[in-house]
């Protein structure tokens, strides 16, 4: 299964989620319990926030980024894919802007 370790991994995962969410392609080389799902994708995006901003002084930035993820996830669950993807774009913009 995909393990996020670096900001580069986060960058690639954001692109993957934007391209395929909410229905991810089936990967025949992965067992059923390791297939990507919307829940797993967003869990990994949240892990990426911690990788990008682990320092305590970025707690408010992490909160803002996680709030965007919450809204995007909810939009996908409500079948509002266009708004969900727009929110992921906002997340991507926010994750790579270094401000508190």
Protein backbone atom coordinates (compact mmCIF):
# COMPACT_ATOMS: atom_id res chain seq x y z
CA UNK A 1 0.00 0.00 0.00
CA UNK A 2 1.05 3.59 -0.65
CA UNK A 3 2.88 5.18 2.27
CA UNK A 4 3.31 8.92 2.36
CA UNK A 5 6.76 9.95 3.53
CA UNK A 6 7.64 13.21 1.78
CA UNK A 7 6.11 16.39 0.44
CA UNK A 8 6.80 15.01 -3.05
CA UNK A 9 4.63 12.01 -2.17
CA UNK A 10 1.91 14.43 -1.06
CA UNK A 11 2.17 16.37 -4.32
CA UNK A 12 1.71 13.15 -6.30
CA UNK A 13 -1.13 11.94 -4.09
CA UNK A 14 -3.05 15.19 -4.50
CA UNK A 15 -2.82 14.81 -8.27
CA UNK A 16 -3.93 11.16 -8.02
CA UNK A 17 -6.95 12.03 -5.88
CA UNK A 18 -7.92 14.94 -8.14
CA UNK A 19 -7.72 12.67 -11.19
CA UNK A 20 -9.66 9.70 -9.85
CA UNK A 21 -11.83 10.53 -6.84
CA UNK A 22 -14.32 9.38 -5.87
CA UNK A 23 -13.94 6.14 -7.91
CA UNK A 24 -10.36 4.95 -7.90
CA UNK A 25 -9.11 2.43 -10.45
CA UNK A 26 -8.84 -1.18 -9.40
CA UNK A 27 -5.22 -2.31 -9.14
CA UNK A 28 -5.03 -6.04 -9.79
CA UNK A 29 -1.66 -6.31 -8.04
CA UNK A 30 -3.13 -5.13 -4.72
CA UNK A 31 -5.26 -7.20 -2.34
CA UNK A 32 -8.84 -6.04 -1.85
CA UNK A 33 -8.09 -4.44 1.54
CA UNK A 34 -5.32 -2.30 -0.01
CA UNK A 35 -7.37 -0.87 -2.87
CA UNK A 36 -7.71 2.91 -2.76
CA UNK A 37 -10.98 4.25 -1.42
CA UNK A 38 -12.19 7.77 -0.78
CA UNK A 39 -11.68 7.26 2.96
CA UNK A 40 -8.10 6.05 2.51
CA UNK A 41 -7.29 8.80 0.04
CA UNK A 42 -8.37 11.53 2.44
CA UNK A 43 -6.70 9.85 5.40
CA UNK A 44 -3.45 9.98 3.45
CA UNK A 45 -4.02 13.62 2.50
CA UNK A 46 -4.38 14.41 6.21
CA UNK A 47 -1.13 12.56 6.89
CA UNK A 48 0.44 14.73 4.20
CA UNK A 49 -0.58 17.87 6.08
CA UNK A 50 1.44 16.64 9.06
CA UNK A 51 4.39 15.81 6.83
CA UNK A 52 4.34 19.25 5.21
CA UNK A 53 3.76 21.16 8.45
CA UNK A 54 4.94 19.13 11.47
CA UNK A 55 6.06 22.15 13.50
CA UNK A 56 3.82 23.33 16.33
CA UNK A 57 3.80 26.90 15.02
CA UNK A 58 1.85 25.65 11.99
CA UNK A 59 -1.08 24.29 14.01
CA UNK A 60 -3.45 26.93 12.66
CA UNK A 61 -2.35 26.23 9.07
CA UNK A 62 -2.93 22.51 9.61
CA UNK A 63 -6.40 23.28 10.95
CA UNK A 64 -7.27 25.37 7.88
CA UNK A 65 -5.96 22.71 5.50
CA UNK A 66 -7.81 19.93 7.31
CA UNK A 67 -11.02 21.99 7.20
CA UNK A 68 -10.66 22.26 3.42
CA UNK A 69 -10.16 18.49 3.26
CA UNK A 70 -13.27 17.96 5.39
CA UNK A 71 -15.33 20.08 2.99
CA UNK A 72 -13.92 18.33 -0.07
CA UNK A 73 -14.58 14.90 1.42
CA UNK A 74 -18.14 15.88 2.27
CA UNK A 75 -18.68 17.21 -1.25
CA UNK A 76 -17.51 13.91 -2.74
CA UNK A 77 -19.82 11.99 -0.39
CA UNK A 78 -22.69 14.24 -1.55
CA UNK A 79 -21.82 13.56 -5.21
CA UNK A 80 -20.74 17.17 -5.76
CA UNK A 81 -17.53 16.14 -7.52
CA UNK A 82 -16.93 19.50 -9.19
CA UNK A 83 -16.97 21.40 -5.89
CA UNK A 84 -14.95 18.64 -4.20
CA UNK A 85 -12.22 18.91 -6.83
CA UNK A 86 -12.24 22.71 -6.61
CA UNK A 87 -11.69 22.39 -2.88
CA UNK A 88 -8.81 19.97 -3.47
CA UNK A 89 -7.30 22.58 -5.75
CA UNK A 90 -7.63 25.13 -2.92
CA UNK A 91 -5.97 22.58 -0.62
CA UNK A 92 -3.12 22.11 -3.07
CA UNK A 93 -2.63 25.87 -3.31
CA UNK A 94 -2.67 26.18 0.48
CA UNK A 95 -0.37 23.28 1.21
CA UNK A 96 2.44 24.72 -0.84
CA UNK A 97 2.20 28.30 0.47
CA UNK A 98 4.45 28.64 3.51
CA UNK A 99 2.49 30.95 5.80
CA UNK A 100 1.14 30.59 9.30
